[in-house]
Amino acid sequence: MIRVVAESVEPIRLSFLVALLADAGIPSLVLDAHISALEGGIGAFPRRLAVAAAQLEQARRVLAEAGEPHR
């Protein structure tokens, strides 16, 4: 099972968050990454960053230590 840890309409920020988690050894998945094709690239729909439920608390700590808002 996966859990969402962050949302953003900014693809660069999402890439940064993915890198933060990867550096901590936490694999992540960007959900809704291809929605921009449907929305015309206007950035109206946030993309969600998810991790395995077992790594949720660790991912939240990593994001908090980096000063990043999380769910």
PDB file of N, CA and C in Angstrom:
ATOM      1  N   MET A   1       0.844  -1.171   0.000  1.00  0.00           N
ATOM      2  CA  MET A   1       0.000   0.000   0.000  1.00  0.00           C
ATOM      3  C   MET A   1       0.898   1.246   0.000  1.00  0.00           C
ATOM      4  N   ILE A   2       0.447   2.280  -0.704  1.00  0.00           N
ATOM      5  CA  ILE A   2       1.223   3.518  -0.745  1.00  0.00           C
ATOM      6  C   ILE A   2       0.462   4.643  -0.055  1.00  0.00           C
ATOM      7  N   ARG A   3       1.214   5.636   0.378  1.00  0.00           N
ATOM      8  CA  ARG A   3       0.645   6.806   1.052  1.00  0.00           C
ATOM      9  C   ARG A   3       1.230   8.073   0.422  1.00  0.00           C
ATOM     10  N   VAL A   4       0.404   9.081   0.278  1.00  0.00           N
ATOM     11  CA  VAL A   4       0.838  10.360  -0.282  1.00  0.00           C
ATOM     12  C   VAL A   4       1.510  11.176   0.813  1.00  0.00           C
ATOM     13  N   VAL A   5       2.704  11.711   0.516  1.00  0.00           N
ATOM     14  CA  VAL A   5       3.429  12.529   1.491  1.00  0.00           C
ATOM     15  C   VAL A   5       3.492  13.996   1.095  1.00  0.00           C
ATOM     16  N   ALA A   6       3.249  14.296  -0.180  1.00  0.00           N
ATOM     17  CA  ALA A   6       3.312  15.695  -0.619  1.00  0.00           C
ATOM     18  C   ALA A   6       2.528  15.864  -1.912  1.00  0.00           C
ATOM     19  N   GLU A   7       2.135  17.107  -2.166  1.00  0.00           N
ATOM     20  CA  GLU A   7       1.470  17.469  -3.410  1.00  0.00           C
ATOM     21  C   GLU A   7       2.072  18.770  -3.909  1.00  0.00           C
ATOM     22  N   SER A   8       2.106  18.922  -5.223  1.00  0.00           N
ATOM     23  CA  SER A   8       2.621  20.173  -5.790  1.00  0.00           C
ATOM     24  C   SER A   8       2.211  20.279  -7.252  1.00  0.00           C
ATOM     25  N   VAL A   9       2.051  21.512  -7.709  1.00  0.00           N
ATOM     26  CA  VAL A   9       1.828  21.770  -9.136  1.00  0.00           C
ATOM     27  C   VAL A   9       3.149  22.115  -9.806  1.00  0.00           C
ATOM     28  N   GLU A  10       4.229  22.152  -9.008  1.00  0.00           N
ATOM     29  CA  GLU A  10       5.546  22.523  -9.517  1.00  0.00           C
ATOM     30  C   GLU A  10       6.392  21.272  -9.773  1.00  0.00           C
ATOM     31  N   PRO A  11       6.629  20.930 -11.049  1.00  0.00           N
ATOM     32  CA  PRO A  11       7.401  19.716 -11.341  1.00  0.00           C
ATOM     33  C   PRO A  11       8.833  19.757 -10.831  1.00  0.00           C
ATOM     34  N   ILE A  12       9.440  20.926 -10.778  1.00  0.00           N
ATOM     35  CA  ILE A  12      10.817  21.024 -10.284  1.00  0.00           C
ATOM     36  C   ILE A  12      10.863  20.732  -8.788  1.00  0.00           C
ATOM     37  N   ARG A  13       9.894  21.233  -8.054  1.00  0.00           N
ATOM     38  CA  ARG A  13       9.827  20.949  -6.617  1.00  0.00           C
ATOM     39  C   ARG A  13       9.637  19.452  -6.391  1.00  0.00           C
ATOM     40  N   LEU A  14       8.773  18.838  -7.175  1.00  0.00           N
ATOM     41  CA  LEU A  14       8.568  17.395  -7.034  1.00  0.00           C
ATOM     42  C   LEU A  14       9.849  16.627  -7.308  1.00  0.00           C
ATOM     43  N   SER A  15      10.597  17.043  -8.309  1.00  0.00           N
ATOM     44  CA  SER A  15      11.879  16.390  -8.601  1.00  0.00           C
ATOM     45  C   SER A  15      12.826  16.515  -7.415  1.00  0.00           C
ATOM     46  N   PHE A  16      12.825  17.685  -6.779  1.00  0.00           N
ATOM     47  CA  PHE A  16      13.658  17.905  -5.599  1.00  0.00           C
ATOM     48  C   PHE A  16      13.243  16.973  -4.462  1.00  0.00           C
ATOM     49  N   LEU A  17      11.932  16.851  -4.242  1.00  0.00           N
ATOM     50  CA  LEU A  17      11.444  15.986  -3.168  1.00  0.00           C
ATOM     51  C   LEU A  17      11.771  14.525  -3.445  1.00  0.00           C
ATOM     52  N   VAL A  18      11.638  14.119  -4.695  1.00  0.00           N
ATOM     53  CA  VAL A  18      11.996  12.750  -5.077  1.00  0.00           C
ATOM     54  C   VAL A  18      13.476  12.502  -4.781  1.00  0.00           C
ATOM     55  N   ALA A  19      14.323  13.480  -5.115  1.00  0.00           N
ATOM     56  CA  ALA A  19      15.762  13.352  -4.867  1.00  0.00           C
ATOM     57  C   ALA A  19      16.062  13.292  -3.371  1.00  0.00           C
ATOM     58  N   LEU A  20      15.386  14.114  -2.582  1.00  0.00           N
ATOM     59  CA  LEU A  20      15.572  14.077  -1.121  1.00  0.00           C
ATOM     60  C   LEU A  20      15.273  12.684  -0.581  1.00  0.00           C
ATOM     61  N   LEU A  21      14.146  12.155  -0.990  1.00  0.00           N
ATOM     62  CA  LEU A  21      13.754  10.835  -0.503  1.00  0.00           C
ATOM     63  C   LEU A  21      14.707   9.760  -1.008  1.00  0.00           C
ATOM     64  N   ALA A  22      15.106   9.851  -2.259  1.00  0.00           N
ATOM     65  CA  ALA A  22      16.039   8.862  -2.818  1.00  0.00           C
ATOM     66  C   ALA A  22      17.363   8.877  -2.067  1.00  0.00           C
ATOM     67  N   ASP A  23      17.854  10.073  -1.711  1.00  0.00           N
ATOM     68  CA  ASP A  23      19.097  10.173  -0.948  1.00  0.00           C
ATOM     69  C   ASP A  23      18.981   9.500   0.415  1.00  0.00           C
ATOM     70  N   ALA A  24      17.752   9.466   0.950  1.00  0.00           N
ATOM     71  CA  ALA A  24      17.518   8.814   2.236  1.00  0.00           C
ATOM     72  C   ALA A  24      17.186   7.336   2.062  1.00  0.00           C
ATOM     73  N   GLY A  25      17.239   6.848   0.819  1.00  0.00           N
ATOM     74  CA  GLY A  25      16.960   5.442   0.569  1.00  0.00           C
ATOM     75  C   GLY A  25      15.482   5.105   0.525  1.00  0.00           C
ATOM     76  N   ILE A  26      14.658   6.106   0.267  1.00  0.00           N
ATOM     77  CA  ILE A  26      13.209   5.894   0.233  1.00  0.00           C
ATOM     78  C   ILE A  26      12.717   6.020  -1.209  1.00  0.00           C
ATOM     79  N   PRO A  27      12.294   4.924  -1.809  1.00  0.00           N
ATOM     80  CA  PRO A  27      11.740   5.021  -3.158  1.00  0.00           C
ATOM     81  C   PRO A  27      10.400   5.749  -3.125  1.00  0.00           C
ATOM     82  N   SER A  28      10.123   6.516  -4.157  1.00  0.00           N
ATOM     83  CA  SER A  28       8.860   7.242  -4.215  1.00  0.00           C
ATOM     84  C   SER A  28       8.269   7.142  -5.609  1.00  0.00           C
ATOM     85  N   LEU A  29       7.031   7.572  -5.713  1.00  0.00           N
ATOM     86  CA  LEU A  29       6.291   7.496  -6.961  1.00  0.00           C
ATOM     87  C   LEU A  29       5.509   8.786  -7.126  1.00  0.00           C
ATOM     88  N   VAL A  30       5.647   9.427  -8.292  1.00  0.00           N
ATOM     89  CA  VAL A  30       4.864  10.631  -8.581  1.00  0.00           C
ATOM     90  C   VAL A  30       3.580  10.182  -9.259  1.00  0.00           C
ATOM     91  N   LEU A  31       2.466  10.465  -8.602  1.00  0.00           N
ATOM     92  CA  LEU A  31       1.157  10.132  -9.148  1.00  0.00           C
ATOM     93  C   LEU A  31       0.602  11.335  -9.910  1.00  0.00           C
ATOM     94  N   ASP A  32      -0.195  11.089 -10.902  1.00  0.00           N
ATOM     95  CA  ASP A  32      -0.826  12.142 -11.708  1.00  0.00           C
ATOM     96  C   ASP A  32       0.174  12.927 -12.539  1.00  0.00           C
ATOM     97  N   ALA A  33       1.323  12.342 -12.817  1.00  0.00           N
ATOM     98  CA  ALA A  33       2.371  13.052 -13.555  1.00  0.00           C
ATOM     99  C   ALA A  33       1.951  13.394 -14.975  1.00  0.00           C
ATOM    100  N   HIS A  34       1.051  12.624 -15.544  1.00  0.00           N
ATOM    101  CA  HIS A  34       0.676  12.850 -16.935  1.00  0.00           C
ATOM    102  C   HIS A  34      -0.644  13.612 -17.084  1.00  0.00           C
ATOM    103  N   ILE A  35      -1.151  14.128 -15.994  1.00  0.00           N
ATOM    104  CA  ILE A  35      -2.401  14.876 -16.053  1.00  0.00           C
ATOM    105  C   ILE A  35      -2.250  16.159 -16.873  1.00  0.00           C
ATOM    106  N   SER A  36      -1.024  16.678 -16.984  1.00  0.00           N
ATOM    107  CA  SER A  36      -0.818  17.923 -17.728  1.00  0.00           C
ATOM    108  C   SER A  36      -1.236  17.775 -19.191  1.00  0.00           C
ATOM    109  N   ALA A  37      -1.166  16.571 -19.728  1.00  0.00           N
ATOM    110  CA  ALA A  37      -1.610  16.354 -21.107  1.00  0.00           C
ATOM    111  C   ALA A  37      -3.112  16.597 -21.226  1.00  0.00           C
ATOM    112  N   LEU A  38      -3.827  16.287 -20.170  1.00  0.00           N
ATOM    113  CA  LEU A  38      -5.285  16.484 -20.180  1.00  0.00           C
ATOM    114  C   LEU A  38      -5.677  17.910 -19.847  1.00  0.00           C
ATOM    115  N   GLU A  39      -4.901  18.564 -19.008  1.00  0.00           N
ATOM    116  CA  GLU A  39      -5.244  19.912 -18.577  1.00  0.00           C
ATOM    117  C   GLU A  39      -4.644  20.991 -19.459  1.00  0.00           C
ATOM    118  N   GLY A  40      -3.879  20.615 -20.427  1.00  0.00           N
ATOM    119  CA  GLY A  40      -3.271  21.601 -21.314  1.00  0.00           C
ATOM    120  C   GLY A  40      -2.040  22.264 -20.740  1.00  0.00           C
ATOM    121  N   GLY A  41      -1.431  21.674 -19.705  1.00  0.00           N
ATOM    122  CA  GLY A  41      -0.200  22.212 -19.130  1.00  0.00           C
ATOM    123  C   GLY A  41      -0.373  23.483 -18.309  1.00  0.00           C
ATOM    124  N   ILE A  42      -1.592  23.751 -17.811  1.00  0.00           N
ATOM    125  CA  ILE A  42      -1.815  24.989 -17.060  1.00  0.00           C
ATOM    126  C   ILE A  42      -1.446  24.881 -15.583  1.00  0.00           C
ATOM    127  N   GLY A  43      -1.144  23.677 -15.109  1.00  0.00           N
ATOM    128  CA  GLY A  43      -0.726  23.504 -13.718  1.00  0.00           C
ATOM    129  C   GLY A  43      -1.853  23.591 -12.717  1.00  0.00           C
ATOM    130  N   ALA A  44      -3.074  23.265 -13.125  1.00  0.00           N
ATOM    131  CA  ALA A  44      -4.227  23.378 -12.237  1.00  0.00           C
ATOM    132  C   ALA A  44      -4.363  22.191 -11.284  1.00  0.00           C
ATOM    133  N   PHE A  45      -3.820  21.050 -11.668  1.00  0.00           N
ATOM    134  CA  PHE A  45      -3.976  19.849 -10.854  1.00  0.00           C
ATOM    135  C   PHE A  45      -2.644  19.471 -10.220  1.00  0.00           C
ATOM    136  N   PRO A  46      -2.637  19.332  -8.895  1.00  0.00           N
ATOM    137  CA  PRO A  46      -1.381  18.962  -8.239  1.00  0.00           C
ATOM    138  C   PRO A  46      -0.994  17.517  -8.528  1.00  0.00           C
ATOM    139  N   ARG A  47       0.302  17.293  -8.600  1.00  0.00           N
ATOM    140  CA  ARG A  47       0.831  15.944  -8.691  1.00  0.00           C
ATOM    141  C   ARG A  47       1.088  15.494  -7.265  1.00  0.00           C
ATOM    142  N   ARG A  48       0.924  14.219  -7.011  1.00  0.00           N
ATOM    143  CA  ARG A  48       1.090  13.690  -5.663  1.00  0.00           C
ATOM    144  C   ARG A  48       2.341  12.834  -5.604  1.00  0.00           C
ATOM    145  N   LEU A  49       3.050  12.950  -4.492  1.00  0.00           N
ATOM    146  CA  LEU A  49       4.254  12.151  -4.249  1.00  0.00           C
ATOM    147  C   LEU A  49       3.910  11.114  -3.186  1.00  0.00           C
ATOM    148  N   ALA A  50       4.111   9.853  -3.543  1.00  0.00           N
ATOM    149  CA  ALA A  50       3.738   8.756  -2.640  1.00  0.00           C
ATOM    150  C   ALA A  50       4.934   7.877  -2.313  1.00  0.00           C
ATOM    151  N   VAL A  51       4.841   7.265  -1.140  1.00  0.00           N
ATOM    152  CA  VAL A  51       5.853   6.298  -0.686  1.00  0.00           C
ATOM    153  C   VAL A  51       5.125   5.082  -0.128  1.00  0.00           C
ATOM    154  N   ALA A  52       5.864   4.007   0.066  1.00  0.00           N
ATOM    155  CA  ALA A  52       5.289   2.813   0.696  1.00  0.00           C
ATOM    156  C   ALA A  52       4.825   3.166   2.106  1.00  0.00           C
ATOM    157  N   ALA A  53       3.707   2.602   2.495  1.00  0.00           N
ATOM    158  CA  ALA A  53       3.145   2.888   3.819  1.00  0.00           C
ATOM    159  C   ALA A  53       4.150   2.615   4.936  1.00  0.00           C
ATOM    160  N   ALA A  54       4.982   1.593   4.763  1.00  0.00           N
ATOM    161  CA  ALA A  54       5.969   1.237   5.784  1.00  0.00           C
ATOM    162  C   ALA A  54       7.038   2.317   5.950  1.00  0.00           C
ATOM    163  N   GLN A  55       7.211   3.170   4.954  1.00  0.00           N
ATOM    164  CA  GLN A  55       8.238   4.217   5.007  1.00  0.00           C
ATOM    165  C   GLN A  55       7.659   5.618   5.170  1.00  0.00           C
ATOM    166  N   LEU A  56       6.367   5.697   5.451  1.00  0.00           N
ATOM    167  CA  LEU A  56       5.696   6.989   5.549  1.00  0.00           C
ATOM    168  C   LEU A  56       6.310   7.901   6.607  1.00  0.00           C
ATOM    169  N   GLU A  57       6.491   7.401   7.812  1.00  0.00           N
ATOM    170  CA  GLU A  57       7.026   8.240   8.893  1.00  0.00           C
ATOM    171  C   GLU A  57       8.453   8.685   8.603  1.00  0.00           C
ATOM    172  N   GLN A  58       9.263   7.792   8.058  1.00  0.00           N
ATOM    173  CA  GLN A  58      10.633   8.152   7.702  1.00  0.00           C
ATOM    174  C   GLN A  58      10.624   9.236   6.620  1.00  0.00           C
ATOM    175  N   ALA A  59       9.747   9.105   5.635  1.00  0.00           N
ATOM    176  CA  ALA A  59       9.652  10.099   4.560  1.00  0.00           C
ATOM    177  C   ALA A  59       9.213  11.448   5.115  1.00  0.00           C
ATOM    178  N   ARG A  60       8.268  11.439   6.028  1.00  0.00           N
ATOM    179  CA  ARG A  60       7.814  12.699   6.647  1.00  0.00           C
ATOM    180  C   ARG A  60       8.961  13.372   7.399  1.00  0.00           C
ATOM    181  N   ARG A  61       9.763  12.573   8.105  1.00  0.00           N
ATOM    182  CA  ARG A  61      10.906  13.141   8.830  1.00  0.00           C
ATOM    183  C   ARG A  61      11.911  13.769   7.873  1.00  0.00           C
ATOM    184  N   VAL A  62      12.215  13.078   6.773  1.00  0.00           N
ATOM    185  CA  VAL A  62      13.158  13.584   5.787  1.00  0.00           C
ATOM    186  C   VAL A  62      12.668  14.916   5.223  1.00  0.00           C
ATOM    187  N   LEU A  63      11.391  14.985   4.858  1.00  0.00           N
ATOM    188  CA  LEU A  63      10.835  16.215   4.302  1.00  0.00           C
ATOM    189  C   LEU A  63      10.823  17.328   5.350  1.00  0.00           C
ATOM    190  N   ALA A  64      10.469  16.994   6.576  1.00  0.00           N
ATOM    191  CA  ALA A  64      10.440  18.008   7.641  1.00  0.00           C
ATOM    192  C   ALA A  64      11.831  18.550   7.927  1.00  0.00           C
ATOM    193  N   GLU A  65      12.831  17.679   7.952  1.00  0.00           N
ATOM    194  CA  GLU A  65      14.214  18.115   8.200  1.00  0.00           C
ATOM    195  C   GLU A  65      14.715  19.039   7.096  1.00  0.00           C
ATOM    196  N   ALA A  66      14.164  18.876   5.884  1.00  0.00           N
ATOM    197  CA  ALA A  66      14.554  19.734   4.755  1.00  0.00           C
ATOM    198  C   ALA A  66      13.711  21.003   4.705  1.00  0.00           C
ATOM    199  N   GLY A  67      12.787  21.151   5.656  1.00  0.00           N
ATOM    200  CA  GLY A  67      11.945  22.333   5.684  1.00  0.00           C
ATOM    201  C   GLY A  67      10.833  22.309   4.654  1.00  0.00           C
ATOM    202  N   GLU A  68      10.511  21.124   4.178  1.00  0.00           N
ATOM    203  CA  GLU A  68       9.470  20.978   3.161  1.00  0.00           C
ATOM    204  C   GLU A  68       8.137  20.610   3.817  1.00  0.00           C
ATOM    205  N   PRO A  69       7.058  21.266   3.389  1.00  0.00           N
ATOM    206  CA  PRO A  69       5.745  20.872   3.904  1.00  0.00           C
ATOM    207  C   PRO A  69       5.382  19.472   3.428  1.00  0.00           C
ATOM    208  N   HIS A  70       4.663  18.752   4.234  1.00  0.00           N
ATOM    209  CA  HIS A  70       4.267  17.395   3.879  1.00  0.00           C
ATOM    210  C   HIS A  70       2.889  17.121   4.442  1.00  0.00           C
ATOM    211  N   ARG A  71       2.324  15.996   4.066  1.00  0.00           N
ATOM    212  CA  ARG A  71       1.021  15.585   4.573  1.00  0.00           C
ATOM    213  C   ARG A  71       1.181  14.730   5.792  1.00  0.00           C
TER     214      ARG A  71
END
